[in-house]
PDB file of all heavy atoms in Angstrom:
ATOM      1  N   ASN A   1     -17.763   8.608   2.212  1.00  0.00           N
ATOM      2  CA  ASN A   1     -18.125   7.370   2.938  1.00  0.00           C
ATOM      3  C   ASN A   1     -17.355   7.429   4.249  1.00  0.00           C
ATOM      4  O   ASN A   1     -16.585   8.338   4.534  1.00  0.00           O
ATOM      5  CB  ASN A   1     -17.832   6.113   2.068  1.00  0.00           C
ATOM      6  CG  ASN A   1     -18.805   5.025   2.397  1.00  0.00           C
ATOM      7  OD1 ASN A   1     -19.110   4.742   3.503  1.00  0.00           O
ATOM      8  ND2 ASN A   1     -19.432   4.543   1.268  1.00  0.00           N
ATOM      9  N   ILE A   2     -17.512   6.392   5.072  1.00  0.00           N
ATOM     10  CA  ILE A   2     -16.856   6.178   6.347  1.00  0.00           C
ATOM     11  C   ILE A   2     -15.474   5.661   6.131  1.00  0.00           C
ATOM     12  O   ILE A   2     -15.377   4.480   5.657  1.00  0.00           O
ATOM     13  CB  ILE A   2     -17.754   5.344   7.283  1.00  0.00           C
ATOM     14  CG1 ILE A   2     -19.157   5.891   7.322  1.00  0.00           C
ATOM     15  CG2 ILE A   2     -17.072   5.299   8.616  1.00  0.00           C
ATOM     16  CD1 ILE A   2     -19.243   7.318   7.913  1.00  0.00           C
ATOM     17  N   PHE A   3     -14.491   6.420   6.509  1.00  0.00           N
ATOM     18  CA  PHE A   3     -13.093   6.035   6.191  1.00  0.00           C
ATOM     19  C   PHE A   3     -12.662   4.741   6.791  1.00  0.00           C
ATOM     20  O   PHE A   3     -12.052   3.921   6.148  1.00  0.00           O
ATOM     21  CB  PHE A   3     -12.189   7.115   6.521  1.00  0.00           C
ATOM     22  CG  PHE A   3     -10.784   6.942   6.207  1.00  0.00           C
ATOM     23  CD1 PHE A   3     -10.350   6.868   4.991  1.00  0.00           C
ATOM     24  CD2 PHE A   3      -9.861   6.777   7.228  1.00  0.00           C
ATOM     25  CE1 PHE A   3      -8.987   6.628   4.612  1.00  0.00           C
ATOM     26  CE2 PHE A   3      -8.526   6.522   6.894  1.00  0.00           C
ATOM     27  CZ  PHE A   3      -8.020   6.475   5.631  1.00  0.00           C
ATOM     28  N   ASN A   4     -13.062   4.575   8.083  1.00  0.00           N
ATOM     29  CA  ASN A   4     -12.582   3.279   8.782  1.00  0.00           C
ATOM     30  C   ASN A   4     -13.258   2.026   8.384  1.00  0.00           C
ATOM     31  O   ASN A   4     -13.044   1.012   8.950  1.00  0.00           O
ATOM     32  CB  ASN A   4     -12.610   3.568  10.309  1.00  0.00           C
ATOM     33  CG  ASN A   4     -13.968   3.751  10.776  1.00  0.00           C
ATOM     34  OD1 ASN A   4     -15.021   3.597  10.060  1.00  0.00           O
ATOM     35  ND2 ASN A   4     -14.116   4.078  12.084  1.00  0.00           N
ATOM     36  N   MET A   5     -14.185   2.106   7.385  1.00  0.00           N
ATOM     37  CA  MET A   5     -14.725   0.896   6.742  1.00  0.00           C
ATOM     38  C   MET A   5     -13.840   0.403   5.578  1.00  0.00           C
ATOM     39  O   MET A   5     -14.196  -0.565   5.049  1.00  0.00           O
ATOM     40  CB  MET A   5     -16.116   1.202   6.233  1.00  0.00           C
ATOM     41  CG  MET A   5     -17.166   1.458   7.316  1.00  0.00           C
ATOM     42  SD  MET A   5     -17.485  -0.047   8.262  1.00  0.00           S
ATOM     43  CE  MET A   5     -18.699   0.617   9.376  1.00  0.00           C
ATOM     44  N   TYR A   6     -12.750   1.106   5.297  1.00  0.00           N
ATOM     45  CA  TYR A   6     -11.902   0.742   4.108  1.00  0.00           C
ATOM     46  C   TYR A   6     -10.500   0.311   4.642  1.00  0.00           C
ATOM     47  O   TYR A   6      -9.940   0.904   5.485  1.00  0.00           O
ATOM     48  CB  TYR A   6     -11.793   1.930   3.148  1.00  0.00           C
ATOM     49  CG  TYR A   6     -13.080   2.262   2.531  1.00  0.00           C
ATOM     50  CD1 TYR A   6     -14.034   3.092   3.111  1.00  0.00           C
ATOM     51  CD2 TYR A   6     -13.332   1.807   1.265  1.00  0.00           C
ATOM     52  CE1 TYR A   6     -15.236   3.438   2.528  1.00  0.00           C
ATOM     53  CE2 TYR A   6     -14.495   2.091   0.579  1.00  0.00           C
ATOM     54  CZ  TYR A   6     -15.443   2.952   1.178  1.00  0.00           C
ATOM     55  OH  TYR A   6     -16.619   3.242   0.512  1.00  0.00           O
ATOM     56  N   ASN A   7     -10.049  -0.714   3.957  1.00  0.00           N
ATOM     57  CA  ASN A   7      -8.667  -1.016   3.944  1.00  0.00           C
ATOM     58  C   ASN A   7      -8.028  -0.158   2.802  1.00  0.00           C
ATOM     59  O   ASN A   7      -8.635   0.030   1.759  1.00  0.00           O
ATOM     60  CB  ASN A   7      -8.399  -2.446   3.656  1.00  0.00           C
ATOM     61  CG  ASN A   7      -8.862  -3.357   4.775  1.00  0.00           C
ATOM     62  OD1 ASN A   7      -8.884  -2.993   5.945  1.00  0.00           O
ATOM     63  ND2 ASN A   7      -9.237  -4.559   4.340  1.00  0.00           N
ATOM     64  N   MET A   8      -6.894   0.446   3.117  1.00  0.00           N
ATOM     65  CA  MET A   8      -6.218   1.355   2.220  1.00  0.00           C
ATOM     66  C   MET A   8      -4.942   0.831   1.620  1.00  0.00           C
ATOM     67  O   MET A   8      -4.274   0.050   2.336  1.00  0.00           O
ATOM     68  CB  MET A   8      -6.020   2.718   2.885  1.00  0.00           C
ATOM     69  CG  MET A   8      -7.266   3.366   3.452  1.00  0.00           C
ATOM     70  SD  MET A   8      -8.522   3.790   2.160  1.00  0.00           S
ATOM     71  CE  MET A   8      -7.717   5.015   1.259  1.00  0.00           C
ATOM     72  N   ALA A   9      -4.516   1.321   0.466  1.00  0.00           N
ATOM     73  CA  ALA A   9      -3.267   0.812  -0.060  1.00  0.00           C
ATOM     74  C   ALA A   9      -2.693   1.891  -1.052  1.00  0.00           C
ATOM     75  O   ALA A   9      -3.425   2.796  -1.578  1.00  0.00           O
ATOM     76  CB  ALA A   9      -3.446  -0.454  -0.848  1.00  0.00           C
ATOM     77  N   TRP A  10      -1.398   1.788  -1.248  1.00  0.00           N
ATOM     78  CA  TRP A  10      -0.672   2.543  -2.233  1.00  0.00           C
ATOM     79  C   TRP A  10      -0.193   1.588  -3.289  1.00  0.00           C
ATOM     80  O   TRP A  10       0.446   0.608  -2.894  1.00  0.00           O
ATOM     81  CB  TRP A  10       0.382   3.391  -1.711  1.00  0.00           C
ATOM     82  CG  TRP A  10      -0.028   4.598  -0.965  1.00  0.00           C
ATOM     83  CD1 TRP A  10      -0.228   4.619   0.369  1.00  0.00           C
ATOM     84  CD2 TRP A  10      -0.354   5.850  -1.407  1.00  0.00           C
ATOM     85  NE1 TRP A  10      -0.590   5.843   0.765  1.00  0.00           N
ATOM     86  CE2 TRP A  10      -0.840   6.658  -0.238  1.00  0.00           C
ATOM     87  CE3 TRP A  10      -0.508   6.382  -2.656  1.00  0.00           C
ATOM     88  CZ2 TRP A  10      -1.138   7.970  -0.423  1.00  0.00           C
ATOM     89  CZ3 TRP A  10      -0.839   7.678  -2.826  1.00  0.00           C
ATOM     90  CH2 TRP A  10      -1.208   8.491  -1.725  1.00  0.00           C
ATOM     91  N   TYR A  11      -0.406   1.910  -4.549  1.00  0.00           N
ATOM     92  CA  TYR A  11       0.107   1.119  -5.715  1.00  0.00           C
ATOM     93  C   TYR A  11       0.974   2.131  -6.492  1.00  0.00           C
ATOM     94  O   TYR A  11       0.924   3.322  -6.345  1.00  0.00           O
ATOM     95  CB  TYR A  11      -0.979   0.653  -6.609  1.00  0.00           C
ATOM     96  CG  TYR A  11      -1.713  -0.580  -6.060  1.00  0.00           C
ATOM     97  CD1 TYR A  11      -2.726  -0.275  -5.044  1.00  0.00           C
ATOM     98  CD2 TYR A  11      -1.625  -1.857  -6.459  1.00  0.00           C
ATOM     99  CE1 TYR A  11      -3.389  -1.322  -4.524  1.00  0.00           C
ATOM    100  CE2 TYR A  11      -2.297  -2.878  -5.989  1.00  0.00           C
ATOM    101  CZ  TYR A  11      -3.279  -2.687  -4.977  1.00  0.00           C
ATOM    102  OH  TYR A  11      -4.068  -3.649  -4.462  1.00  0.00           O
ATOM    103  N   ARG A  12       1.839   1.575  -7.364  1.00  0.00           N
ATOM    104  CA  ARG A  12       2.635   2.411  -8.309  1.00  0.00           C
ATOM    105  C   ARG A  12       2.728   1.734  -9.571  1.00  0.00           C
ATOM    106  O   ARG A  12       2.692   0.519  -9.794  1.00  0.00           O
ATOM    107  CB  ARG A  12       3.949   2.783  -7.722  1.00  0.00           C
ATOM    108  CG  ARG A  12       4.955   1.632  -7.576  1.00  0.00           C
ATOM    109  CD  ARG A  12       6.229   2.034  -6.871  1.00  0.00           C
ATOM    110  NE  ARG A  12       7.186   1.025  -6.701  1.00  0.00           N
ATOM    111  CZ  ARG A  12       8.368   1.132  -6.082  1.00  0.00           C
ATOM    112  NH1 ARG A  12       8.643   2.260  -5.457  1.00  0.00           N
ATOM    113  NH2 ARG A  12       9.183   0.130  -6.048  1.00  0.00           N
ATOM    114  N   GLN A  13       2.927   2.511 -10.645  1.00  0.00           N
ATOM    115  CA  GLN A  13       3.086   2.080 -11.967  1.00  0.00           C
ATOM    116  C   GLN A  13       4.139   2.822 -12.704  1.00  0.00           C
ATOM    117  O   GLN A  13       3.915   4.074 -12.944  1.00  0.00           O
ATOM    118  CB  GLN A  13       1.740   2.051 -12.690  1.00  0.00           C
ATOM    119  CG  GLN A  13       1.820   1.434 -14.136  1.00  0.00           C
ATOM    120  CD  GLN A  13       0.380   1.224 -14.702  1.00  0.00           C
ATOM    121  OE1 GLN A  13      -0.517   1.950 -14.319  1.00  0.00           O
ATOM    122  NE2 GLN A  13       0.245   0.336 -15.652  1.00  0.00           N
ATOM    123  N   ALA A  14       5.231   2.194 -13.113  1.00  0.00           N
ATOM    124  CA  ALA A  14       6.230   2.844 -13.870  1.00  0.00           C
ATOM    125  C   ALA A  14       5.930   2.659 -15.348  1.00  0.00           C
ATOM    126  O   ALA A  14       5.280   1.722 -15.717  1.00  0.00           O
ATOM    127  CB  ALA A  14       7.612   2.235 -13.446  1.00  0.00           C
ATOM    128  N   PRO A  15       6.547   3.448 -16.178  1.00  0.00           N
ATOM    129  CA  PRO A  15       6.308   3.384 -17.609  1.00  0.00           C
ATOM    130  C   PRO A  15       6.555   1.964 -18.151  1.00  0.00           C
ATOM    131  O   PRO A  15       7.589   1.417 -17.891  1.00  0.00           O
ATOM    132  CB  PRO A  15       7.160   4.502 -18.191  1.00  0.00           C
ATOM    133  CG  PRO A  15       7.429   5.388 -17.135  1.00  0.00           C
ATOM    134  CD  PRO A  15       7.452   4.618 -15.788  1.00  0.00           C
ATOM    135  N   GLY A  16       5.617   1.390 -18.820  1.00  0.00           N
ATOM    136  CA  GLY A  16       5.768   0.144 -19.454  1.00  0.00           C
ATOM    137  C   GLY A  16       5.637  -1.072 -18.516  1.00  0.00           C
ATOM    138  O   GLY A  16       5.753  -2.200 -19.014  1.00  0.00           O
ATOM    139  N   LEU A  17       5.330  -0.855 -17.243  1.00  0.00           N
ATOM    140  CA  LEU A  17       5.199  -1.917 -16.216  1.00  0.00           C
ATOM    141  C   LEU A  17       3.830  -1.972 -15.749  1.00  0.00           C
ATOM    142  O   LEU A  17       2.935  -1.172 -15.921  1.00  0.00           O
ATOM    143  CB  LEU A  17       6.197  -1.628 -15.135  1.00  0.00           C
ATOM    144  CG  LEU A  17       7.659  -1.612 -15.581  1.00  0.00           C
ATOM    145  CD1 LEU A  17       8.584  -1.392 -14.365  1.00  0.00           C
ATOM    146  CD2 LEU A  17       8.068  -2.881 -16.237  1.00  0.00           C
ATOM    147  N   GLN A  18       3.608  -3.041 -14.918  1.00  0.00           N
ATOM    148  CA  GLN A  18       2.279  -3.314 -14.331  1.00  0.00           C
ATOM    149  C   GLN A  18       2.123  -2.350 -13.043  1.00  0.00           C
ATOM    150  O   GLN A  18       3.105  -1.849 -12.543  1.00  0.00           O
ATOM    151  CB  GLN A  18       2.169  -4.718 -13.820  1.00  0.00           C
ATOM    152  CG  GLN A  18       2.120  -5.840 -14.842  1.00  0.00           C
ATOM    153  CD  GLN A  18       2.001  -7.227 -14.329  1.00  0.00           C
ATOM    154  OE1 GLN A  18       2.628  -7.501 -13.309  1.00  0.00           O
ATOM    155  NE2 GLN A  18       1.106  -8.004 -14.822  1.00  0.00           N
ATOM    156  N   ARG A  19       0.940  -2.252 -12.667  1.00  0.00           N
ATOM    157  CA  ARG A  19       0.620  -1.451 -11.459  1.00  0.00           C
ATOM    158  C   ARG A  19       0.761  -2.486 -10.328  1.00  0.00           C
ATOM    159  O   ARG A  19       0.088  -3.481 -10.189  1.00  0.00           O
ATOM    160  CB  ARG A  19      -0.796  -0.954 -11.533  1.00  0.00           C
ATOM    161  CG  ARG A  19      -1.164  -0.045 -10.327  1.00  0.00           C
ATOM    162  CD  ARG A  19      -2.501   0.599 -10.386  1.00  0.00           C
ATOM    163  NE  ARG A  19      -2.615   1.443 -11.579  1.00  0.00           N
ATOM    164  CZ  ARG A  19      -3.600   2.216 -11.891  1.00  0.00           C
ATOM    165  NH1 ARG A  19      -4.645   2.152 -11.059  1.00  0.00           N
ATOM    166  NH2 ARG A  19      -3.637   3.023 -12.922  1.00  0.00           N
ATOM    167  N   ASP A  20       1.753  -2.201  -9.424  1.00  0.00           N
ATOM    168  CA  ASP A  20       2.088  -3.040  -8.354  1.00  0.00           C
ATOM    169  C   ASP A  20       1.754  -2.556  -6.944  1.00  0.00           C
ATOM    170  O   ASP A  20       1.798  -1.302  -6.775  1.00  0.00           O
ATOM    171  CB  ASP A  20       3.561  -3.363  -8.425  1.00  0.00           C
ATOM    172  CG  ASP A  20       3.984  -4.180  -9.603  1.00  0.00           C
ATOM    173  OD1 ASP A  20       3.167  -5.030 -10.028  1.00  0.00           O
ATOM    174  OD2 ASP A  20       5.137  -4.041 -10.126  1.00  0.00           O
ATOM    175  N   LEU A  21       1.467  -3.367  -6.065  1.00  0.00           N
ATOM    176  CA  LEU A  21       1.100  -2.926  -4.703  1.00  0.00           C
ATOM    177  C   LEU A  21       2.452  -2.505  -3.993  1.00  0.00           C
ATOM    178  O   LEU A  21       3.451  -3.236  -4.019  1.00  0.00           O
ATOM    179  CB  LEU A  21       0.497  -4.096  -3.908  1.00  0.00           C
ATOM    180  CG  LEU A  21       0.250  -3.886  -2.465  1.00  0.00           C
ATOM    181  CD1 LEU A  21      -0.851  -2.828  -2.274  1.00  0.00           C
ATOM    182  CD2 LEU A  21      -0.196  -5.195  -1.766  1.00  0.00           C
ATOM    183  N   VAL A  22       2.471  -1.340  -3.395  1.00  0.00           N
ATOM    184  CA  VAL A  22       3.541  -0.822  -2.665  1.00  0.00           C
ATOM    185  C   VAL A  22       3.350  -1.120  -1.117  1.00  0.00           C
ATOM    186  O   VAL A  22       4.287  -1.636  -0.509  1.00  0.00           O
ATOM    187  CB  VAL A  22       3.737   0.697  -2.891  1.00  0.00           C
ATOM    188  CG1 VAL A  22       4.848   1.246  -2.053  1.00  0.00           C
ATOM    189  CG2 VAL A  22       4.039   0.891  -4.412  1.00  0.00           C
ATOM    190  N   ALA A  23       2.235  -0.778  -0.667  1.00  0.00           N
ATOM    191  CA  ALA A  23       2.064  -0.938   0.805  1.00  0.00           C
ATOM    192  C   ALA A  23       0.422  -0.886   0.929  1.00  0.00           C
ATOM    193  O   ALA A  23      -0.271  -0.341   0.242  1.00  0.00           O
ATOM    194  CB  ALA A  23       2.651   0.252   1.575  1.00  0.00           C
ATOM    195  N   SER A  24       0.045  -1.520   2.038  1.00  0.00           N
ATOM    196  CA  SER A  24      -1.369  -1.625   2.433  1.00  0.00           C
ATOM    197  C   SER A  24      -1.418  -1.433   3.839  1.00  0.00           C
ATOM    198  O   SER A  24      -0.565  -1.840   4.620  1.00  0.00           O
ATOM    199  CB  SER A  24      -2.069  -2.924   1.928  1.00  0.00           C
ATOM    200  OG  SER A  24      -1.477  -4.010   2.536  1.00  0.00           O
ATOM    201  N   ILE A  25      -2.673  -1.021   4.358  1.00  0.00           N
ATOM    202  CA  ILE A  25      -2.918  -0.828   5.778  1.00  0.00           C
ATOM    203  C   ILE A  25      -4.496  -1.168   5.909  1.00  0.00           C
ATOM    204  O   ILE A  25      -5.308  -0.534   5.249  1.00  0.00           O
ATOM    205  CB  ILE A  25      -2.527   0.482   6.259  1.00  0.00           C
ATOM    206  CG1 ILE A  25      -2.703   0.621   7.773  1.00  0.00           C
ATOM    207  CG2 ILE A  25      -3.281   1.634   5.567  1.00  0.00           C
ATOM    208  CD1 ILE A  25      -2.041   1.803   8.399  1.00  0.00           C
ATOM    209  N   THR A  26      -4.731  -1.910   6.942  1.00  0.00           N
ATOM    210  CA  THR A  26      -6.146  -2.235   7.181  1.00  0.00           C
ATOM    211  C   THR A  26      -6.819  -1.197   8.086  1.00  0.00           C
ATOM    212  O   THR A  26      -6.171  -0.283   8.565  1.00  0.00           O
ATOM    213  CB  THR A  26      -6.314  -3.621   7.947  1.00  0.00           C
ATOM    214  OG1 THR A  26      -5.687  -3.424   9.285  1.00  0.00           O
ATOM    215  CG2 THR A  26      -5.544  -4.749   7.127  1.00  0.00           C
ATOM    216  N   SER A  27      -7.997  -1.344   8.289  1.00  0.00           N
ATOM    217  CA  SER A  27      -8.751  -0.381   9.097  1.00  0.00           C
ATOM    218  C   SER A  27      -8.281  -0.493  10.546  1.00  0.00           C
ATOM    219  O   SER A  27      -8.415   0.426  11.348  1.00  0.00           O
ATOM    220  CB  SER A  27     -10.252  -0.600   9.044  1.00  0.00           C
ATOM    221  OG  SER A  27     -10.607  -1.966   9.475  1.00  0.00           O
ATOM    222  N   GLY A  28      -7.703  -1.680  10.945  1.00  0.00           N
ATOM    223  CA  GLY A  28      -7.112  -1.777  12.194  1.00  0.00           C
ATOM    224  C   GLY A  28      -5.622  -1.457  12.349  1.00  0.00           C
ATOM    225  O   GLY A  28      -4.964  -1.890  13.299  1.00  0.00           O
ATOM    226  N   ASN A  29      -5.019  -0.813  11.288  1.00  0.00           N
ATOM    227  CA  ASN A  29      -3.673  -0.385  11.250  1.00  0.00           C
ATOM    228  C   ASN A  29      -2.664  -1.509  11.189  1.00  0.00           C
ATOM    229  O   ASN A  29      -1.531  -1.330  11.623  1.00  0.00           O
ATOM    230  CB  ASN A  29      -3.328   0.501  12.504  1.00  0.00           C
ATOM    231  CG  ASN A  29      -3.737   1.901  12.351  1.00  0.00           C
ATOM    232  OD1 ASN A  29      -3.625   2.475  11.215  1.00  0.00           O
ATOM    233  ND2 ASN A  29      -4.217   2.560  13.409  1.00  0.00           N
ATOM    234  N   SER A  30      -3.058  -2.605  10.491  1.00  0.00           N
ATOM    235  CA  SER A  30      -2.120  -3.610  10.169  1.00  0.00           C
ATOM    236  C   SER A  30      -1.533  -3.339   8.818  1.00  0.00           C
ATOM    237  O   SER A  30      -2.263  -3.273   7.771  1.00  0.00           O
ATOM    238  CB  SER A  30      -2.775  -5.023  10.179  1.00  0.00           C
ATOM    239  OG  SER A  30      -1.883  -5.982   9.766  1.00  0.00           O
ATOM    240  N   ALA A  31      -0.240  -3.177   8.705  1.00  0.00           N
ATOM    241  CA  ALA A  31       0.496  -2.701   7.534  1.00  0.00           C
ATOM    242  C   ALA A  31       1.284  -3.823   6.937  1.00  0.00           C
ATOM    243  O   ALA A  31       1.874  -4.659   7.600  1.00  0.00           O
ATOM    244  CB  ALA A  31       1.366  -1.509   7.726  1.00  0.00           C
ATOM    245  N   ASN A  32       1.348  -3.845   5.539  1.00  0.00           N
ATOM    246  CA  ASN A  32       2.284  -4.663   4.814  1.00  0.00           C
ATOM    247  C   ASN A  32       2.942  -3.863   3.644  1.00  0.00           C
ATOM    248  O   ASN A  32       2.382  -2.894   3.206  1.00  0.00           O
ATOM    249  CB  ASN A  32       1.556  -5.884   4.199  1.00  0.00           C
ATOM    250  CG  ASN A  32       1.096  -6.862   5.282  1.00  0.00           C
ATOM    251  OD1 ASN A  32      -0.130  -6.845   5.624  1.00  0.00           O
ATOM    252  ND2 ASN A  32       1.943  -7.662   5.705  1.00  0.00           N
ATOM    253  N   TYR A  33       4.154  -4.349   3.263  1.00  0.00           N
ATOM    254  CA  TYR A  33       4.934  -3.684   2.344  1.00  0.00           C
ATOM    255  C   TYR A  33       5.462  -4.619   1.290  1.00  0.00           C
ATOM    256  O   TYR A  33       5.786  -5.800   1.534  1.00  0.00           O
ATOM    257  CB  TYR A  33       6.123  -2.921   3.026  1.00  0.00           C
ATOM    258  CG  TYR A  33       5.693  -1.910   4.023  1.00  0.00           C
ATOM    259  CD1 TYR A  33       5.507  -2.300   5.354  1.00  0.00           C
ATOM    260  CD2 TYR A  33       5.441  -0.654   3.663  1.00  0.00           C
ATOM    261  CE1 TYR A  33       5.133  -1.370   6.334  1.00  0.00           C
ATOM    262  CE2 TYR A  33       5.044   0.379   4.589  1.00  0.00           C
ATOM    263  CZ  TYR A  33       4.860  -0.077   5.900  1.00  0.00           C
ATOM    264  OH  TYR A  33       4.544   0.859   6.835  1.00  0.00           O
ATOM    265  N   ALA A  34       5.678  -4.121   0.077  1.00  0.00           N
ATOM    266  CA  ALA A  34       6.425  -4.768  -0.993  1.00  0.00           C
ATOM    267  C   ALA A  34       7.909  -4.890  -0.531  1.00  0.00           C
ATOM    268  O   ALA A  34       8.425  -3.983   0.136  1.00  0.00           O
ATOM    269  CB  ALA A  34       6.282  -4.047  -2.290  1.00  0.00           C
ATOM    270  N   ASP A  35       8.535  -5.981  -0.903  1.00  0.00           N
ATOM    271  CA  ASP A  35       9.912  -6.104  -0.515  1.00  0.00           C
ATOM    272  C   ASP A  35      10.822  -5.001  -1.004  1.00  0.00           C
ATOM    273  O   ASP A  35      11.753  -4.627  -0.320  1.00  0.00           O
ATOM    274  CB  ASP A  35      10.492  -7.418  -1.078  1.00  0.00           C
ATOM    275  CG  ASP A  35       9.928  -8.617  -0.395  1.00  0.00           C
ATOM    276  OD1 ASP A  35       9.378  -8.547   0.732  1.00  0.00           O
ATOM    277  OD2 ASP A  35      10.030  -9.756  -0.950  1.00  0.00           O
ATOM    278  N   SER A  36      10.473  -4.375  -2.136  1.00  0.00           N
ATOM    279  CA  SER A  36      11.322  -3.377  -2.694  1.00  0.00           C
ATOM    280  C   SER A  36      11.330  -2.122  -1.881  1.00  0.00           C
ATOM    281  O   SER A  36      12.250  -1.266  -2.046  1.00  0.00           O
ATOM    282  CB  SER A  36      10.925  -3.052  -4.148  1.00  0.00           C
ATOM    283  OG  SER A  36       9.556  -2.653  -4.227  1.00  0.00           O
ATOM    284  N   VAL A  37      10.359  -1.884  -1.066  1.00  0.00           N
ATOM    285  CA  VAL A  37      10.254  -0.624  -0.258  1.00  0.00           C
ATOM    286  C   VAL A  37      10.320  -0.885   1.202  1.00  0.00           C
ATOM    287  O   VAL A  37      10.344   0.077   2.024  1.00  0.00           O
ATOM    288  CB  VAL A  37       8.891   0.169  -0.545  1.00  0.00           C
ATOM    289  CG1 VAL A  37       8.778   0.357  -2.109  1.00  0.00           C
ATOM    290  CG2 VAL A  37       7.715  -0.654   0.011  1.00  0.00           C
ATOM    291  N   LYS A  38      10.338  -2.107   1.698  1.00  0.00           N
ATOM    292  CA  LYS A  38      10.423  -2.424   3.092  1.00  0.00           C
ATOM    293  C   LYS A  38      11.620  -1.765   3.720  1.00  0.00           C
ATOM    294  O   LYS A  38      12.802  -1.859   3.221  1.00  0.00           O
ATOM    295  CB  LYS A  38      10.444  -3.916   3.263  1.00  0.00           C
ATOM    296  CG  LYS A  38      10.126  -4.383   4.714  1.00  0.00           C
ATOM    297  CD  LYS A  38      10.185  -5.858   4.852  1.00  0.00           C
ATOM    298  CE  LYS A  38       9.129  -6.594   4.001  1.00  0.00           C
ATOM    299  NZ  LYS A  38       7.750  -6.315   4.600  1.00  0.00           N
ATOM    300  N   GLY A  39      11.360  -1.146   4.828  1.00  0.00           N
ATOM    301  CA  GLY A  39      12.404  -0.385   5.552  1.00  0.00           C
ATOM    302  C   GLY A  39      12.591   0.999   5.098  1.00  0.00           C
ATOM    303  O   GLY A  39      13.349   1.741   5.760  1.00  0.00           O
ATOM    304  N   ARG A  40      12.064   1.395   3.951  1.00  0.00           N
ATOM    305  CA  ARG A  40      12.222   2.766   3.410  1.00  0.00           C
ATOM    306  C   ARG A  40      10.873   3.427   3.447  1.00  0.00           C
ATOM    307  O   ARG A  40      10.931   4.721   3.713  1.00  0.00           O
ATOM    308  CB  ARG A  40      12.714   2.749   2.112  1.00  0.00           C
ATOM    309  CG  ARG A  40      14.170   2.069   1.935  1.00  0.00           C
ATOM    310  CD  ARG A  40      14.719   2.268   0.508  1.00  0.00           C
ATOM    311  NE  ARG A  40      13.919   1.623  -0.493  1.00  0.00           N
ATOM    312  CZ  ARG A  40      13.342   2.261  -1.513  1.00  0.00           C
ATOM    313  NH1 ARG A  40      13.498   3.618  -1.667  1.00  0.00           N
ATOM    314  NH2 ARG A  40      12.573   1.559  -2.413  1.00  0.00           N
ATOM    315  N   PHE A  41       9.767   2.835   3.253  1.00  0.00           N
ATOM    316  CA  PHE A  41       8.502   3.498   3.187  1.00  0.00           C
ATOM    317  C   PHE A  41       7.617   3.138   4.382  1.00  0.00           C
ATOM    318  O   PHE A  41       7.855   2.038   4.932  1.00  0.00           O
ATOM    319  CB  PHE A  41       7.751   3.008   1.899  1.00  0.00           C
ATOM    320  CG  PHE A  41       8.221   3.503   0.610  1.00  0.00           C
ATOM    321  CD1 PHE A  41       9.463   4.224   0.491  1.00  0.00           C
ATOM    322  CD2 PHE A  41       7.547   3.336  -0.513  1.00  0.00           C
ATOM    323  CE1 PHE A  41       9.961   4.601  -0.749  1.00  0.00           C
ATOM    324  CE2 PHE A  41       8.020   3.743  -1.809  1.00  0.00           C
ATOM    325  CZ  PHE A  41       9.274   4.394  -1.849  1.00  0.00           C
ATOM    326  N   THR A  42       6.852   4.019   4.766  1.00  0.00           N
ATOM    327  CA  THR A  42       5.854   3.804   5.910  1.00  0.00           C
ATOM    328  C   THR A  42       4.485   4.267   5.459  1.00  0.00           C
ATOM    329  O   THR A  42       4.393   5.349   5.036  1.00  0.00           O
ATOM    330  CB  THR A  42       6.352   4.495   7.170  1.00  0.00           C
ATOM    331  OG1 THR A  42       7.640   4.058   7.563  1.00  0.00           O
ATOM    332  CG2 THR A  42       5.370   4.202   8.259  1.00  0.00           C
ATOM    333  N   ILE A  43       3.535   3.374   5.609  1.00  0.00           N
ATOM    334  CA  ILE A  43       2.141   3.736   5.381  1.00  0.00           C
ATOM    335  C   ILE A  43       1.464   3.915   6.683  1.00  0.00           C
ATOM    336  O   ILE A  43       1.753   3.199   7.698  1.00  0.00           O
ATOM    337  CB  ILE A  43       1.352   2.629   4.527  1.00  0.00           C
ATOM    338  CG1 ILE A  43       0.018   3.020   4.118  1.00  0.00           C
ATOM    339  CG2 ILE A  43       1.303   1.217   5.318  1.00  0.00           C
ATOM    340  CD1 ILE A  43      -0.760   2.157   3.063  1.00  0.00           C
TER     341      ILE A  43
END
């Protein structure tokens, strides 16, 4: 499909835990981060 029609995100799931949002980025390059990774991860 056409990539720029999609907002993209990374999630993670540790053993026994929920799948949580790590970071997201819109088609317009607006990024957001979970507090636990802010300042360390870059999407």
